[in-house]
N, C-alpha and C. Protein backbone atom coordinates (compact mmCIF):
# COMPACT_ATOMS: atom_id res chain seq x y z
N UNK A 1 10.82 22.47 16.13
CA UNK A 1 11.29 21.25 16.04
C UNK A 1 12.08 20.56 16.86
N UNK A 2 11.97 19.37 17.39
CA UNK A 2 12.60 18.69 18.35
C UNK A 2 14.03 18.32 17.95
N UNK A 3 15.01 18.62 18.93
CA UNK A 3 16.37 18.09 18.33
C UNK A 3 16.70 16.81 17.65
N UNK A 4 15.93 15.82 18.23
CA UNK A 4 15.80 14.48 17.62
C UNK A 4 15.57 14.50 16.23
N UNK A 5 14.59 15.35 15.76
CA UNK A 5 14.26 15.54 14.38
C UNK A 5 15.12 16.11 13.32
N UNK A 6 16.14 16.69 13.89
CA UNK A 6 17.14 17.36 13.05
C UNK A 6 17.77 16.68 11.83
N UNK A 7 18.26 15.64 12.63
CA UNK A 7 19.32 14.50 11.42
C UNK A 7 18.45 14.03 10.56
N UNK A 8 16.97 13.73 10.81
CA UNK A 8 16.32 13.08 9.74
C UNK A 8 15.95 14.09 8.64
N UNK A 9 16.06 15.27 8.67
CA UNK A 9 15.75 16.47 7.70
C UNK A 9 17.09 16.85 6.89
N UNK A 10 18.53 16.27 7.27
CA UNK A 10 19.60 16.76 6.77
C UNK A 10 20.21 15.72 5.66
N UNK A 11 19.50 14.33 5.45
CA UNK A 11 19.82 13.64 4.32
C UNK A 11 19.73 13.81 3.14
N UNK A 12 20.61 13.74 2.04
CA UNK A 12 20.28 14.03 1.05
C UNK A 12 19.18 12.96 0.46
N UNK A 13 18.57 13.02 -0.68
CA UNK A 13 17.45 12.03 -1.13
C UNK A 13 17.80 10.86 -1.43
N UNK A 14 19.41 10.46 -1.80
CA UNK A 14 19.63 9.38 -2.06
C UNK A 14 19.78 8.45 -0.88
N UNK A 15 20.57 9.08 -0.07
CA UNK A 15 20.71 8.70 1.57
C UNK A 15 19.42 8.19 1.97
N UNK A 16 18.48 9.05 2.40
CA UNK A 16 17.45 8.77 2.90
C UNK A 16 16.69 7.42 2.30
N UNK A 17 16.81 7.27 0.70
CA UNK A 17 16.33 6.24 0.42
C UNK A 17 17.13 4.81 0.67
N UNK A 18 18.54 5.34 0.59
CA UNK A 18 19.49 3.99 1.17
C UNK A 18 19.19 3.80 2.42
N UNK A 19 18.86 4.51 3.51
CA UNK A 19 18.42 4.10 4.79
C UNK A 19 17.22 3.71 5.00
N UNK A 20 16.52 3.71 3.78
CA UNK A 20 15.05 3.03 4.09
C UNK A 20 13.84 4.27 4.53
N UNK A 21 14.29 5.53 4.76
CA UNK A 21 13.89 6.11 5.05
C UNK A 21 12.31 6.87 4.08
N UNK A 22 12.82 6.56 3.07
CA UNK A 22 11.56 6.99 1.93
C UNK A 22 11.84 5.89 0.94
N UNK A 23 10.84 5.66 0.19
CA UNK A 23 10.60 4.36 -0.90
C UNK A 23 11.10 4.78 -2.22
N UNK A 24 10.86 6.00 -2.68
CA UNK A 24 11.35 6.51 -4.02
C UNK A 24 11.88 8.03 -3.83
N UNK A 25 12.71 8.26 -5.00
CA UNK A 25 13.11 9.63 -5.04
C UNK A 25 12.93 10.20 -6.35
N UNK A 26 12.24 11.21 -6.66
CA UNK A 26 12.06 11.81 -7.75
C UNK A 26 13.09 13.02 -8.17
N UNK A 27 13.26 13.25 -9.30
CA UNK A 27 13.99 14.59 -9.48
C UNK A 27 13.21 15.91 -9.18
N UNK A 28 14.21 16.61 -8.86
CA UNK A 28 13.43 18.32 -8.58
C UNK A 28 12.33 18.62 -9.82
N UNK A 29 11.34 19.21 -9.31
CA UNK A 29 10.18 19.74 -10.05
C UNK A 29 9.28 18.40 -10.74
N UNK A 30 9.44 17.21 -10.25
CA UNK A 30 8.69 16.00 -10.73
C UNK A 30 7.94 15.50 -9.47
N UNK A 31 7.96 16.19 -8.49
CA UNK A 31 7.13 15.47 -7.06
C UNK A 31 5.66 15.21 -7.52
N UNK A 32 4.93 15.84 -8.40
CA UNK A 32 3.57 15.77 -8.61
C UNK A 32 3.50 14.45 -9.49
N UNK A 33 4.48 14.35 -10.61
CA UNK A 33 4.38 13.27 -11.37
C UNK A 33 4.46 12.15 -10.77
N UNK A 34 5.67 12.31 -9.76
CA UNK A 34 5.85 11.11 -8.98
C UNK A 34 4.71 10.59 -7.95
N UNK A 35 4.08 11.52 -7.36
CA UNK A 35 2.69 11.32 -6.84
C UNK A 35 1.86 10.76 -7.59
N UNK A 36 1.62 11.06 -8.67
CA UNK A 36 0.52 10.48 -9.55
C UNK A 36 1.27 9.11 -10.21
N UNK A 37 2.29 8.91 -10.26
CA UNK A 37 2.84 7.62 -10.53
C UNK A 37 2.69 6.51 -9.32
N UNK A 38 2.79 6.90 -8.33
CA UNK A 38 2.67 5.99 -7.08
C UNK A 38 1.06 5.90 -6.83
N UNK A 39 0.37 6.69 -7.04
CA UNK A 39 -1.14 6.62 -6.92
C UNK A 39 -1.65 5.74 -7.94
N UNK A 40 -1.14 5.65 -9.14
CA UNK A 40 -1.50 4.73 -10.00
C UNK A 40 -1.26 3.26 -9.92
N UNK A 41 0.02 3.12 -9.57
CA UNK A 41 0.37 2.04 -8.78
C UNK A 41 -0.31 1.27 -7.64
N UNK A 42 -0.76 2.27 -6.90
CA UNK A 42 -1.59 1.73 -5.64
C UNK A 42 -3.12 1.33 -6.25
N UNK A 43 -3.50 2.35 -7.18
CA UNK A 43 -4.96 1.76 -7.92
C UNK A 43 -4.98 0.70 -8.88
N UNK A 44 -3.61 0.17 -9.13
CA UNK A 44 -3.59 -0.99 -9.78
C UNK A 44 -3.97 -2.17 -9.31
N UNK A 45 -3.58 -2.27 -8.07
CA UNK A 45 -3.96 -3.36 -7.03
C UNK A 45 -5.50 -3.62 -6.60
N UNK A 46 -5.76 -4.66 -5.72
CA UNK A 46 -6.97 -4.96 -5.33
C UNK A 46 -7.49 -3.83 -4.46
N UNK A 47 -8.72 -3.35 -4.53
CA UNK A 47 -9.22 -2.37 -3.64
C UNK A 47 -9.17 -2.99 -2.04
N UNK A 48 -9.27 -4.32 -2.05
CA UNK A 48 -9.66 -4.93 -0.66
C UNK A 48 -8.07 -4.81 0.01
N UNK A 49 -6.99 -5.40 -0.71
CA UNK A 49 -5.57 -5.12 -0.51
C UNK A 49 -5.21 -3.74 0.12
N UNK A 50 -5.74 -2.88 -0.75
CA UNK A 50 -5.57 -1.17 -0.20
C UNK A 50 -6.00 -1.05 1.09
N UNK A 51 -7.49 -1.35 1.13
CA UNK A 51 -8.40 -1.16 2.41
C UNK A 51 -7.52 -1.87 3.65
N UNK A 52 -7.24 -3.07 3.32
CA UNK A 52 -6.57 -3.76 4.61
C UNK A 52 -5.39 -3.27 5.03
N UNK A 53 -4.59 -2.85 3.94
CA UNK A 53 -3.35 -2.08 4.21
C UNK A 53 -3.40 -1.03 5.06
N UNK A 54 -4.31 0.07 4.72
CA UNK A 54 -4.53 1.33 5.53
C UNK A 54 -5.07 0.91 6.74
N UNK A 55 -5.80 -0.33 7.14
CA UNK A 55 -6.42 -0.93 8.37
C UNK A 55 -5.38 -1.22 9.04
N UNK A 56 -4.19 -1.88 8.53
CA UNK A 56 -3.07 -2.52 9.44
C UNK A 56 -2.26 -1.28 9.95
N UNK A 57 -1.95 -0.52 8.76
CA UNK A 57 -1.12 0.60 9.16
C UNK A 57 -1.86 1.69 10.12
N UNK A 58 -3.22 1.83 10.33
CA UNK A 58 -3.82 2.58 11.46
C UNK A 58 -3.74 1.79 12.70
N UNK A 59 -3.71 0.49 12.61
CA UNK A 59 -3.78 -0.18 13.95
C UNK A 59 -2.27 -0.08 14.38
N UNK A 60 -1.53 -0.15 13.52
CA UNK A 60 -0.15 -0.26 14.29
C UNK A 60 0.39 1.20 14.35
N UNK A 61 -0.13 2.01 13.81
CA UNK A 61 0.49 3.43 14.08
C UNK A 61 1.37 3.81 15.04
N UNK A 62 0.78 3.55 16.41
CA UNK A 62 1.42 4.01 17.71
C UNK A 62 2.46 2.73 18.23
N UNK A 63 2.81 1.76 17.44
CA UNK A 63 3.67 0.67 17.92
C UNK A 63 4.93 1.05 17.29
N UNK A 64 5.93 1.63 18.38
CA UNK A 64 7.22 1.88 17.78
C UNK A 64 8.37 0.74 17.35
N UNK A 65 7.93 -0.31 17.98
CA UNK A 65 9.15 -1.50 17.65
C UNK A 65 8.57 -2.32 16.57
N UNK A 66 9.59 -2.38 15.70
CA UNK A 66 8.96 -3.18 14.33
C UNK A 66 8.53 -4.37 14.42
N UNK A 67 9.08 -5.26 15.31
CA UNK A 67 8.94 -6.77 15.35
C UNK A 67 7.45 -6.84 16.05
N UNK A 68 7.14 -6.02 17.05
CA UNK A 68 5.81 -5.56 18.04
C UNK A 68 4.97 -5.27 16.66
N UNK A 69 5.07 -4.36 15.82
CA UNK A 69 4.10 -3.95 14.85
C UNK A 69 3.73 -4.93 13.76
N UNK A 70 5.05 -5.87 13.62
CA UNK A 70 4.69 -6.74 12.51
C UNK A 70 3.74 -7.90 13.15
N UNK A 71 4.09 -8.22 14.36
CA UNK A 71 3.45 -9.42 15.02
C UNK A 71 2.10 -9.29 15.62
N UNK A 72 1.78 -7.63 15.60
CA UNK A 72 0.57 -7.35 16.31
C UNK A 72 -0.76 -8.06 15.71
N UNK A 73 -1.53 -8.76 16.63
CA UNK A 73 -2.47 -9.47 16.32
C UNK A 73 -3.65 -8.84 15.24
N UNK A 74 -4.24 -9.15 14.23
CA UNK A 74 -5.09 -8.46 13.65
C UNK A 74 -6.07 -9.36 12.97
N UNK A 75 -7.38 -9.11 12.70
CA UNK A 75 -8.09 -10.08 11.74
C UNK A 75 -8.09 -9.56 10.30
N UNK A 76 -7.27 -8.61 10.06
CA UNK A 76 -7.51 -7.75 8.94
C UNK A 76 -6.88 -8.96 7.76
N UNK A 77 -5.83 -9.54 8.03
CA UNK A 77 -5.27 -10.65 6.96
C UNK A 77 -6.00 -11.76 6.75
N UNK A 78 -6.99 -12.22 7.75
CA UNK A 78 -8.07 -13.12 7.72
C UNK A 78 -9.07 -12.65 6.67
N UNK A 79 -9.37 -11.42 6.81
CA UNK A 79 -10.51 -10.92 5.87
C UNK A 79 -10.13 -10.81 4.36
N UNK A 80 -8.66 -10.50 4.29
CA UNK A 80 -8.18 -10.31 3.05
C UNK A 80 -8.06 -11.70 2.24
N UNK A 81 -7.83 -12.65 3.01
CA UNK A 81 -7.42 -14.00 2.56
C UNK A 81 -8.84 -14.69 2.22
N UNK A 82 -9.93 -14.26 2.62
CA UNK A 82 -11.01 -14.79 2.43
C UNK A 82 -12.08 -13.91 1.60
N UNK A 83 -11.42 -12.79 1.06
CA UNK A 83 -12.08 -11.97 0.37
C UNK A 83 -12.31 -12.34 -1.07
N UNK A 84 -13.38 -11.99 -1.72
CA UNK A 84 -13.31 -12.17 -3.37
C UNK A 84 -12.16 -11.96 -4.09
N UNK A 85 -11.65 -10.86 -3.74
CA UNK A 85 -10.43 -10.40 -4.52
C UNK A 85 -9.48 -11.53 -4.44
N UNK A 86 -9.02 -12.16 -3.52
CA UNK A 86 -8.17 -13.11 -2.96
C UNK A 86 -8.35 -14.46 -3.74
N UNK A 87 -9.39 -14.74 -3.34
CA UNK A 87 -10.05 -16.04 -4.33
C UNK A 87 -10.04 -15.81 -5.85
N UNK A 88 -10.54 -14.77 -6.24
CA UNK A 88 -10.39 -14.55 -7.77
C UNK A 88 -8.91 -14.39 -8.10
N UNK A 89 -8.00 -13.81 -7.34
CA UNK A 89 -6.70 -13.45 -7.93
C UNK A 89 -6.01 -15.04 -7.87
N UNK A 90 -6.27 -15.76 -6.63
CA UNK A 90 -5.31 -17.02 -6.61
C UNK A 90 -5.90 -18.15 -7.79
N UNK A 91 -7.18 -18.12 -8.01
CA UNK A 91 -7.75 -18.85 -9.05
C UNK A 91 -7.25 -18.64 -10.48
N UNK A 92 -7.38 -17.30 -10.71
CA UNK A 92 -6.75 -16.91 -12.17
C UNK A 92 -5.18 -17.17 -12.35
N UNK A 93 -4.47 -16.73 -11.05
CA UNK A 93 -2.95 -17.37 -11.04
C UNK A 93 -2.81 -18.70 -11.48
N UNK A 94 -3.57 -19.56 -10.49
CA UNK A 94 -3.33 -21.09 -10.97
C UNK A 94 -3.72 -21.59 -12.21
N UNK A 95 -4.87 -20.87 -12.71
CA UNK A 95 -5.15 -21.18 -14.06
C UNK A 95 -4.11 -20.70 -15.27
N UNK A 96 -3.80 -19.45 -15.21
CA UNK A 96 -3.12 -19.08 -16.36
C UNK A 96 -1.83 -18.15 -15.92
N UNK A 97 -1.58 -18.13 -14.67
CA UNK A 97 -0.38 -17.26 -14.23
C UNK A 97 -0.28 -15.87 -14.15
N UNK A 98 -1.57 -15.18 -14.47
CA UNK A 98 -1.63 -13.90 -14.27
C UNK A 98 -3.15 -13.58 -13.80
N UNK A 99 -3.20 -12.08 -13.43
CA UNK A 99 -4.57 -11.78 -12.99
C UNK A 99 -4.83 -10.28 -13.19
N UNK A 100 -5.79 -9.83 -13.58
CA UNK A 100 -6.13 -8.34 -13.89
C UNK A 100 -7.14 -7.93 -13.11
N UNK A 101 -6.99 -7.01 -12.03
CA UNK A 101 -7.67 -6.60 -10.99
C UNK A 101 -9.08 -5.56 -11.80
N UNK A 102 -8.56 -5.27 -13.22
CA UNK A 102 -9.37 -4.19 -13.94
C UNK A 102 -10.95 -4.35 -13.91
N UNK A 103 -11.22 -5.42 -14.09
CA UNK A 103 -12.59 -5.97 -14.34
C UNK A 103 -13.38 -5.89 -13.08
N UNK A 104 -12.93 -6.40 -12.08
CA UNK A 104 -13.62 -6.13 -10.73
C UNK A 104 -13.69 -4.68 -10.35
N UNK A 105 -12.61 -3.94 -10.52
CA UNK A 105 -12.71 -2.41 -10.40
C UNK A 105 -13.94 -1.75 -11.09
N UNK A 106 -14.05 -2.09 -12.64
CA UNK A 106 -15.25 -1.84 -13.25
C UNK A 106 -16.39 -1.90 -12.77
N UNK A 107 -16.69 -3.49 -12.43
CA UNK A 107 -17.86 -4.11 -11.78
C UNK A 107 -18.11 -3.32 -10.63
N UNK A 108 -17.09 -3.07 -9.67
CA UNK A 108 -17.37 -2.67 -8.41
C UNK A 108 -17.67 -1.00 -8.51
N UNK A 109 -17.15 -0.34 -9.32
CA UNK A 109 -17.50 1.06 -9.59
C UNK A 109 -19.09 1.08 -10.33
N UNK A 110 -19.37 0.20 -10.99
CA UNK A 110 -20.70 0.40 -11.59
C UNK A 110 -21.84 0.05 -10.43
N UNK A 111 -21.17 -0.87 -9.71
CA UNK A 111 -22.17 -1.24 -8.41
C UNK A 111 -22.29 -0.12 -7.44
N UNK A 112 -21.32 0.47 -7.57
CA UNK A 112 -21.34 1.76 -6.37
C UNK A 112 -21.85 2.80 -7.09
N UNK A 113 -22.20 3.20 -8.45
CA UNK A 113 -22.82 3.99 -8.98
C UNK A 113 -24.60 3.71 -8.79
N UNK A 114 -24.97 2.28 -9.00
CA UNK A 114 -26.20 1.92 -8.91
C UNK A 114 -26.75 1.85 -7.59
N UNK A 115 -26.18 1.88 -6.57
CA UNK A 115 -26.49 1.72 -4.90
C UNK A 115 -27.38 3.00 -4.55
């Protein structure tokens, strides 16, 4: 372990969360449940949004400066904003104020199974 990584490992969970090093803290012995809850939250979102998020994280992985990473040019957001998911979501929200991705997930799953 390098000397620079030592201080990162000495924070209490609540301190690490307060400094933004982790986005959530779970009780001892509940890490698997916490991971499953996080996975369920991710799966509730648009599959396209998850794919684009992973793409952007991959593209910016080696950029140390936060401002440079956030302003990194990418076509990913163009792809997201013109996707069926985005158009369907914005239309549903404009019509009734909410949107459920479940139908698209089910239909996408059926389409994947029949290909």
